[in-house]
Amino acid sequence: MPSIKETALKHGLSPDAPVVSFEDVSISFEGNEVLRNVSFTVMPGETRMLLGPAGGGKSVLLKLVDGLLKPDSGRIFVFGEEI
């Protein structure tokens, strides 16, 4: 399995940029706020865990990273590229 840095270089992205970065990301569904002003950064080699109750926004956060959902506000970066 290729490393994160190898994958970044293969796609012409900076291997030293954060793997994922959220800047004040918010998203709501039908008036229900799911995520509000979420900010975090994951650097190469770091591991993070998502914990929370059912309906807490864990799956929504991952769908935002995958580009399956778009935030109402804020910015998301993958390897330094805004998605």
PDB file of N, CA and C in Angstrom:
ATOM      1  N   MET A   1       0.851  -1.171   0.000  1.00  0.00           N
ATOM      2  CA  MET A   1       0.000   0.000   0.000  1.00  0.00           C
ATOM      3  C   MET A   1       0.898   1.236   0.000  1.00  0.00           C
ATOM      4  N   PRO A   2       0.635   2.185  -0.918  1.00  0.00           N
ATOM      5  CA  PRO A   2       1.466   3.392  -0.963  1.00  0.00           C
ATOM      6  C   PRO A   2       1.243   4.268   0.263  1.00  0.00           C
ATOM      7  N   SER A   3       2.289   4.988   0.634  1.00  0.00           N
ATOM      8  CA  SER A   3       2.178   5.901   1.772  1.00  0.00           C
ATOM      9  C   SER A   3       1.373   7.134   1.372  1.00  0.00           C
ATOM     10  N   ILE A   4       0.970   7.909   2.367  1.00  0.00           N
ATOM     11  CA  ILE A   4       0.240   9.149   2.101  1.00  0.00           C
ATOM     12  C   ILE A   4       1.093  10.087   1.255  1.00  0.00           C
ATOM     13  N   LYS A   5       2.384  10.182   1.582  1.00  0.00           N
ATOM     14  CA  LYS A   5       3.262  11.076   0.818  1.00  0.00           C
ATOM     15  C   LYS A   5       3.393  10.608  -0.628  1.00  0.00           C
ATOM     16  N   GLU A   6       3.517   9.290  -0.849  1.00  0.00           N
ATOM     17  CA  GLU A   6       3.610   8.771  -2.217  1.00  0.00           C
ATOM     18  C   GLU A   6       2.340   9.076  -3.005  1.00  0.00           C
ATOM     19  N   THR A   7       1.199   8.917  -2.359  1.00  0.00           N
ATOM     20  CA  THR A   7      -0.077   9.201  -3.017  1.00  0.00           C
ATOM     21  C   THR A   7      -0.192  10.676  -3.361  1.00  0.00           C
ATOM     22  N   ALA A   8       0.202  11.548  -2.442  1.00  0.00           N
ATOM     23  CA  ALA A   8       0.146  12.989  -2.701  1.00  0.00           C
ATOM     24  C   ALA A   8       1.033  13.357  -3.889  1.00  0.00           C
ATOM     25  N   LEU A   9       2.262  12.857  -3.905  1.00  0.00           N
ATOM     26  CA  LEU A   9       3.182  13.164  -4.997  1.00  0.00           C
ATOM     27  C   LEU A   9       2.651  12.650  -6.331  1.00  0.00           C
ATOM     28  N   LYS A  10       2.055  11.472  -6.322  1.00  0.00           N
ATOM     29  CA  LYS A  10       1.505  10.882  -7.544  1.00  0.00           C
ATOM     30  C   LYS A  10       0.448  11.789  -8.165  1.00  0.00           C
ATOM     31  N   HIS A  11      -0.296  12.495  -7.330  1.00  0.00           N
ATOM     32  CA  HIS A  11      -1.368  13.359  -7.815  1.00  0.00           C
ATOM     33  C   HIS A  11      -0.947  14.829  -7.891  1.00  0.00           C
ATOM     34  N   GLY A  12       0.356  15.082  -7.754  1.00  0.00           N
ATOM     35  CA  GLY A  12       0.864  16.438  -7.883  1.00  0.00           C
ATOM     36  C   GLY A  12       0.515  17.349  -6.720  1.00  0.00           C
ATOM     37  N   LEU A  13       0.250  16.771  -5.557  1.00  0.00           N
ATOM     38  CA  LEU A  13      -0.112  17.546  -4.376  1.00  0.00           C
ATOM     39  C   LEU A  13       1.062  17.609  -3.414  1.00  0.00           C
ATOM     40  N   SER A  14       1.051  18.568  -2.534  1.00  0.00           N
ATOM     41  CA  SER A  14       2.134  18.736  -1.570  1.00  0.00           C
ATOM     42  C   SER A  14       2.070  17.659  -0.494  1.00  0.00           C
ATOM     43  N   PRO A  15       3.122  16.836  -0.357  1.00  0.00           N
ATOM     44  CA  PRO A  15       3.109  15.783   0.662  1.00  0.00           C
ATOM     45  C   PRO A  15       3.279  16.311   2.077  1.00  0.00           C
ATOM     46  N   ASP A  16       3.675  17.582   2.218  1.00  0.00           N
ATOM     47  CA  ASP A  16       3.857  18.158   3.550  1.00  0.00           C
ATOM     48  C   ASP A  16       2.646  18.971   4.003  1.00  0.00           C
ATOM     49  N   ALA A  17       1.671  19.125   3.119  1.00  0.00           N
ATOM     50  CA  ALA A  17       0.441  19.841   3.476  1.00  0.00           C
ATOM     51  C   ALA A  17      -0.401  18.950   4.384  1.00  0.00           C
ATOM     52  N   PRO A  18      -1.295  19.543   5.154  1.00  0.00           N
ATOM     53  CA  PRO A  18      -2.204  18.715   5.951  1.00  0.00           C
ATOM     54  C   PRO A  18      -2.954  17.738   5.051  1.00  0.00           C
ATOM     55  N   VAL A  19      -3.167  16.535   5.549  1.00  0.00           N
ATOM     56  CA  VAL A  19      -3.933  15.546   4.797  1.00  0.00           C
ATOM     57  C   VAL A  19      -5.361  16.057   4.644  1.00  0.00           C
ATOM     58  N   VAL A  20      -5.945  16.504   5.738  1.00  0.00           N
ATOM     59  CA  VAL A  20      -7.299  17.073   5.743  1.00  0.00           C
ATOM     60  C   VAL A  20      -7.307  18.276   6.671  1.00  0.00           C
ATOM     61  N   SER A  21      -7.991  19.320   6.252  1.00  0.00           N
ATOM     62  CA  SER A  21      -8.137  20.498   7.099  1.00  0.00           C
ATOM     63  C   SER A  21      -9.539  21.074   6.920  1.00  0.00           C
ATOM     64  N   PHE A  22     -10.241  21.274   8.028  1.00  0.00           N
ATOM     65  CA  PHE A  22     -11.552  21.929   8.041  1.00  0.00           C
ATOM     66  C   PHE A  22     -11.366  23.303   8.664  1.00  0.00           C
ATOM     67  N   GLU A  23     -11.961  24.325   8.044  1.00  0.00           N
ATOM     68  CA  GLU A  23     -11.906  25.688   8.573  1.00  0.00           C
ATOM     69  C   GLU A  23     -13.331  26.206   8.734  1.00  0.00           C
ATOM     70  N   ASP A  24     -13.807  26.247   9.962  1.00  0.00           N
ATOM     71  CA  ASP A  24     -15.129  26.799  10.290  1.00  0.00           C
ATOM     72  C   ASP A  24     -16.246  26.212   9.425  1.00  0.00           C
ATOM     73  N   VAL A  25     -16.270  24.894   9.295  1.00  0.00           N
ATOM     74  CA  VAL A  25     -17.255  24.212   8.452  1.00  0.00           C
ATOM     75  C   VAL A  25     -18.572  24.038   9.201  1.00  0.00           C
ATOM     76  N   SER A  26     -19.654  24.414   8.532  1.00  0.00           N
ATOM     77  CA  SER A  26     -21.002  24.234   9.070  1.00  0.00           C
ATOM     78  C   SER A  26     -21.885  23.616   7.997  1.00  0.00           C
ATOM     79  N   ILE A  27     -22.845  22.789   8.439  1.00  0.00           N
ATOM     80  CA  ILE A  27     -23.817  22.204   7.517  1.00  0.00           C
ATOM     81  C   ILE A  27     -25.093  21.900   8.289  1.00  0.00           C
ATOM     82  N   SER A  28     -26.220  22.146   7.628  1.00  0.00           N
ATOM     83  CA  SER A  28     -27.539  21.896   8.213  1.00  0.00           C
ATOM     84  C   SER A  28     -28.375  21.110   7.215  1.00  0.00           C
ATOM     85  N   PHE A  29     -29.331  20.365   7.734  1.00  0.00           N
ATOM     86  CA  PHE A  29     -30.301  19.653   6.913  1.00  0.00           C
ATOM     87  C   PHE A  29     -31.692  20.009   7.408  1.00  0.00           C
ATOM     88  N   GLU A  30     -32.506  20.554   6.508  1.00  0.00           N
ATOM     89  CA  GLU A  30     -33.891  20.914   6.835  1.00  0.00           C
ATOM     90  C   GLU A  30     -33.973  21.742   8.119  1.00  0.00           C
ATOM     91  N   GLY A  31     -33.053  22.689   8.249  1.00  0.00           N
ATOM     92  CA  GLY A  31     -33.058  23.572   9.407  1.00  0.00           C
ATOM     93  C   GLY A  31     -32.401  23.009  10.653  1.00  0.00           C
ATOM     94  N   ASN A  32     -31.945  21.764  10.607  1.00  0.00           N
ATOM     95  CA  ASN A  32     -31.270  21.148  11.759  1.00  0.00           C
ATOM     96  C   ASN A  32     -29.759  21.250  11.574  1.00  0.00           C
ATOM     97  N   GLU A  33     -29.120  21.990  12.453  1.00  0.00           N
ATOM     98  CA  GLU A  33     -27.671  22.168  12.387  1.00  0.00           C
ATOM     99  C   GLU A  33     -26.979  20.871  12.793  1.00  0.00           C
ATOM    100  N   VAL A  34     -26.163  20.332  11.888  1.00  0.00           N
ATOM    101  CA  VAL A  34     -25.455  19.080  12.151  1.00  0.00           C
ATOM    102  C   VAL A  34     -24.026  19.364  12.596  1.00  0.00           C
ATOM    103  N   LEU A  35     -23.338  20.243  11.894  1.00  0.00           N
ATOM    104  CA  LEU A  35     -21.986  20.669  12.261  1.00  0.00           C
ATOM    105  C   LEU A  35     -21.962  22.194  12.276  1.00  0.00           C
ATOM    106  N   ARG A  36     -21.334  22.770  13.305  1.00  0.00           N
ATOM    107  CA  ARG A  36     -21.263  24.232  13.400  1.00  0.00           C
ATOM    108  C   ARG A  36     -19.825  24.659  13.675  1.00  0.00           C
ATOM    109  N   ASN A  37     -19.263  25.395  12.728  1.00  0.00           N
ATOM    110  CA  ASN A  37     -17.925  25.989  12.865  1.00  0.00           C
ATOM    111  C   ASN A  37     -16.866  24.967  13.279  1.00  0.00           C
ATOM    112  N   VAL A  38     -16.859  23.821  12.611  1.00  0.00           N
ATOM    113  CA  VAL A  38     -15.888  22.762  12.908  1.00  0.00           C
ATOM    114  C   VAL A  38     -14.557  23.101  12.244  1.00  0.00           C
ATOM    115  N   SER A  39     -13.491  23.070  13.029  1.00  0.00           N
ATOM    116  CA  SER A  39     -12.137  23.304  12.521  1.00  0.00           C
ATOM    117  C   SER A  39     -11.205  22.252  13.102  1.00  0.00           C
ATOM    118  N   PHE A  40     -10.413  21.634  12.242  1.00  0.00           N
ATOM    119  CA  PHE A  40      -9.382  20.701  12.692  1.00  0.00           C
ATOM    120  C   PHE A  40      -8.429  20.444  11.536  1.00  0.00           C
ATOM    121  N   THR A  41      -7.263  19.922  11.857  1.00  0.00           N
ATOM    122  CA  THR A  41      -6.250  19.593  10.862  1.00  0.00           C
ATOM    123  C   THR A  41      -5.662  18.233  11.191  1.00  0.00           C
ATOM    124  N   VAL A  42      -5.459  17.427  10.151  1.00  0.00           N
ATOM    125  CA  VAL A  42      -4.776  16.141  10.291  1.00  0.00           C
ATOM    126  C   VAL A  42      -3.533  16.199   9.407  1.00  0.00           C
ATOM    127  N   MET A  43      -2.371  16.102  10.036  1.00  0.00           N
ATOM    128  CA  MET A  43      -1.100  16.147   9.315  1.00  0.00           C
ATOM    129  C   MET A  43      -0.682  14.733   8.906  1.00  0.00           C
ATOM    130  N   PRO A  44       0.208  14.606   7.896  1.00  0.00           N
ATOM    131  CA  PRO A  44       0.685  13.284   7.500  1.00  0.00           C
ATOM    132  C   PRO A  44       1.255  12.525   8.698  1.00  0.00           C
ATOM    133  N   GLY A  45       0.887  11.276   8.824  1.00  0.00           N
ATOM    134  CA  GLY A  45       1.365  10.426   9.913  1.00  0.00           C
ATOM    135  C   GLY A  45       0.508  10.470  11.158  1.00  0.00           C
ATOM    136  N   GLU A  46      -0.402  11.433  11.259  1.00  0.00           N
ATOM    137  CA  GLU A  46      -1.285  11.518  12.418  1.00  0.00           C
ATOM    138  C   GLU A  46      -2.497  10.614  12.227  1.00  0.00           C
ATOM    139  N   THR A  47      -3.043  10.180  13.340  1.00  0.00           N
ATOM    140  CA  THR A  47      -4.259   9.371  13.346  1.00  0.00           C
ATOM    141  C   THR A  47      -5.299  10.088  14.184  1.00  0.00           C
ATOM    142  N   ARG A  48      -6.522  10.117  13.709  1.00  0.00           N
ATOM    143  CA  ARG A  48      -7.635  10.730  14.446  1.00  0.00           C
ATOM    144  C   ARG A  48      -8.776   9.724  14.531  1.00  0.00           C
ATOM    145  N   MET A  49      -9.605   9.887  15.558  1.00  0.00           N
ATOM    146  CA  MET A  49     -10.768   9.028  15.738  1.00  0.00           C
ATOM    147  C   MET A  49     -11.993   9.916  15.910  1.00  0.00           C
ATOM    148  N   LEU A  50     -13.086   9.527  15.271  1.00  0.00           N
ATOM    149  CA  LEU A  50     -14.353  10.240  15.431  1.00  0.00           C
ATOM    150  C   LEU A  50     -15.215   9.480  16.422  1.00  0.00           C
ATOM    151  N   LEU A  51     -15.579  10.145  17.490  1.00  0.00           N
ATOM    152  CA  LEU A  51     -16.449   9.549  18.501  1.00  0.00           C
ATOM    153  C   LEU A  51     -17.642  10.458  18.715  1.00  0.00           C
ATOM    154  N   GLY A  52     -18.782   9.857  18.957  1.00  0.00           N
ATOM    155  CA  GLY A  52     -19.960  10.657  19.259  1.00  0.00           C
ATOM    156  C   GLY A  52     -21.209   9.816  19.181  1.00  0.00           C
ATOM    157  N   PRO A  53     -22.300  10.368  19.665  1.00  0.00           N
ATOM    158  CA  PRO A  53     -23.561   9.630  19.665  1.00  0.00           C
ATOM    159  C   PRO A  53     -24.136   9.507  18.256  1.00  0.00           C
ATOM    160  N   ALA A  54     -25.088   8.611  18.100  1.00  0.00           N
ATOM    161  CA  ALA A  54     -25.814   8.496  16.836  1.00  0.00           C
ATOM    162  C   ALA A  54     -26.421   9.851  16.503  1.00  0.00           C
ATOM    163  N   GLY A  55     -26.274  10.261  15.260  1.00  0.00           N
ATOM    164  CA  GLY A  55     -26.806  11.554  14.849  1.00  0.00           C
ATOM    165  C   GLY A  55     -25.910  12.728  15.180  1.00  0.00           C
ATOM    166  N   GLY A  56     -24.686  12.447  15.619  1.00  0.00           N
ATOM    167  CA  GLY A  56     -23.774  13.513  16.024  1.00  0.00           C
ATOM    168  C   GLY A  56     -22.990  14.156  14.897  1.00  0.00           C
ATOM    169  N   GLY A  57     -23.106  13.641  13.666  1.00  0.00           N
ATOM    170  CA  GLY A  57     -22.446  14.257  12.523  1.00  0.00           C
ATOM    171  C   GLY A  57     -21.191  13.553  12.032  1.00  0.00           C
ATOM    172  N   LYS A  58     -20.881  12.370  12.571  1.00  0.00           N
ATOM    173  CA  LYS A  58     -19.657  11.663  12.159  1.00  0.00           C
ATOM    174  C   LYS A  58     -19.691  11.294  10.676  1.00  0.00           C
ATOM    175  N   SER A  59     -20.780  10.699  10.231  1.00  0.00           N
ATOM    176  CA  SER A  59     -20.900  10.306   8.822  1.00  0.00           C
ATOM    177  C   SER A  59     -20.953  11.521   7.911  1.00  0.00           C
ATOM    178  N   VAL A  60     -21.603  12.575   8.354  1.00  0.00           N
ATOM    179  CA  VAL A  60     -21.666  13.813   7.572  1.00  0.00           C
ATOM    180  C   VAL A  60     -20.257  14.369   7.378  1.00  0.00           C
ATOM    181  N   LEU A  61     -19.452  14.364   8.420  1.00  0.00           N
ATOM    182  CA  LEU A  61     -18.082  14.859   8.332  1.00  0.00           C
ATOM    183  C   LEU A  61     -17.296  14.068   7.280  1.00  0.00           C
ATOM    184  N   LEU A  62     -17.422  12.746   7.291  1.00  0.00           N
ATOM    185  CA  LEU A  62     -16.707  11.923   6.313  1.00  0.00           C
ATOM    186  C   LEU A  62     -17.231  12.150   4.897  1.00  0.00           C
ATOM    187  N   LYS A  63     -18.529  12.351   4.756  1.00  0.00           N
ATOM    188  CA  LYS A  63     -19.093  12.636   3.431  1.00  0.00           C
ATOM    189  C   LYS A  63     -18.612  13.985   2.909  1.00  0.00           C
ATOM    190  N   LEU A  64     -18.382  14.931   3.797  1.00  0.00           N
ATOM    191  CA  LEU A  64     -17.814  16.217   3.389  1.00  0.00           C
ATOM    192  C   LEU A  64     -16.394  16.036   2.867  1.00  0.00           C
ATOM    193  N   VAL A  65     -15.592  15.227   3.548  1.00  0.00           N
ATOM    194  CA  VAL A  65     -14.215  14.965   3.101  1.00  0.00           C
ATOM    195  C   VAL A  65     -14.222  14.286   1.736  1.00  0.00           C
ATOM    196  N   ASP A  66     -15.159  13.355   1.534  1.00  0.00           N
ATOM    197  CA  ASP A  66     -15.257  12.631   0.259  1.00  0.00           C
ATOM    198  C   ASP A  66     -15.838  13.478  -0.865  1.00  0.00           C
ATOM    199  N   GLY A  67     -16.366  14.661  -0.535  1.00  0.00           N
ATOM    200  CA  GLY A  67     -16.984  15.500  -1.545  1.00  0.00           C
ATOM    201  C   GLY A  67     -18.408  15.100  -1.885  1.00  0.00           C
ATOM    202  N   LEU A  68     -18.984  14.193  -1.104  1.00  0.00           N
ATOM    203  CA  LEU A  68     -20.361  13.762  -1.346  1.00  0.00           C
ATOM    204  C   LEU A  68     -21.367  14.803  -0.870  1.00  0.00           C
ATOM    205  N   LEU A  69     -20.951  15.655   0.050  1.00  0.00           N
ATOM    206  CA  LEU A  69     -21.766  16.767   0.533  1.00  0.00           C
ATOM    207  C   LEU A  69     -20.939  18.039   0.445  1.00  0.00           C
ATOM    208  N   LYS A  70     -21.607  19.163   0.332  1.00  0.00           N
ATOM    209  CA  LYS A  70     -20.952  20.471   0.337  1.00  0.00           C
ATOM    210  C   LYS A  70     -21.368  21.213   1.599  1.00  0.00           C
ATOM    211  N   PRO A  71     -20.433  21.865   2.276  1.00  0.00           N
ATOM    212  CA  PRO A  71     -20.794  22.606   3.492  1.00  0.00           C
ATOM    213  C   PRO A  71     -21.610  23.854   3.161  1.00  0.00           C
ATOM    214  N   ASP A  72     -22.415  24.278   4.122  1.00  0.00           N
ATOM    215  CA  ASP A  72     -23.141  25.544   3.987  1.00  0.00           C
ATOM    216  C   ASP A  72     -22.170  26.715   4.090  1.00  0.00           C
ATOM    217  N   SER A  73     -21.140  26.551   4.902  1.00  0.00           N
ATOM    218  CA  SER A  73     -20.113  27.584   5.053  1.00  0.00           C
ATOM    219  C   SER A  73     -18.817  26.921   5.493  1.00  0.00           C
ATOM    220  N   GLY A  74     -17.728  27.651   5.350  1.00  0.00           N
ATOM    221  CA  GLY A  74     -16.415  27.132   5.719  1.00  0.00           C
ATOM    222  C   GLY A  74     -15.702  26.526   4.525  1.00  0.00           C
ATOM    223  N   ARG A  75     -14.486  26.056   4.797  1.00  0.00           N
ATOM    224  CA  ARG A  75     -13.648  25.508   3.723  1.00  0.00           C
ATOM    225  C   ARG A  75     -13.041  24.184   4.158  1.00  0.00           C
ATOM    226  N   ILE A  76     -12.868  23.288   3.183  1.00  0.00           N
ATOM    227  CA  ILE A  76     -12.274  21.975   3.418  1.00  0.00           C
ATOM    228  C   ILE A  76     -11.119  21.813   2.439  1.00  0.00           C
ATOM    229  N   PHE A  77      -9.974  21.376   2.963  1.00  0.00           N
ATOM    230  CA  PHE A  77      -8.791  21.148   2.143  1.00  0.00           C
ATOM    231  C   PHE A  77      -8.339  19.701   2.296  1.00  0.00           C
ATOM    232  N   VAL A  78      -7.903  19.106   1.195  1.00  0.00           N
ATOM    233  CA  VAL A  78      -7.282  17.784   1.203  1.00  0.00           C
ATOM    234  C   VAL A  78      -5.934  17.949   0.522  1.00  0.00           C
ATOM    235  N   PHE A  79      -4.862  17.650   1.237  1.00  0.00           N
ATOM    236  CA  PHE A  79      -3.496  17.862   0.747  1.00  0.00           C
ATOM    237  C   PHE A  79      -3.301  19.281   0.221  1.00  0.00           C
ATOM    238  N   GLY A  80      -3.872  20.255   0.923  1.00  0.00           N
ATOM    239  CA  GLY A  80      -3.677  21.650   0.572  1.00  0.00           C
ATOM    240  C   GLY A  80      -4.565  22.174  -0.540  1.00  0.00           C
ATOM    241  N   GLU A  81      -5.351  21.304  -1.160  1.00  0.00           N
ATOM    242  CA  GLU A  81      -6.252  21.716  -2.237  1.00  0.00           C
ATOM    243  C   GLU A  81      -7.665  21.836  -1.698  1.00  0.00           C
ATOM    244  N   GLU A  82      -8.301  22.988  -1.932  1.00  0.00           N
ATOM    245  CA  GLU A  82      -9.683  23.158  -1.471  1.00  0.00           C
ATOM    246  C   GLU A  82     -10.609  22.276  -2.302  1.00  0.00           C
ATOM    247  N   ILE A  83     -11.513  21.602  -1.593  1.00  0.00           N
ATOM    248  CA  ILE A  83     -12.477  20.751  -2.306  1.00  0.00           C
ATOM    249  C   ILE A  83     -13.868  21.342  -2.200  1.00  0.00           C
TER     250      ILE A  83
END
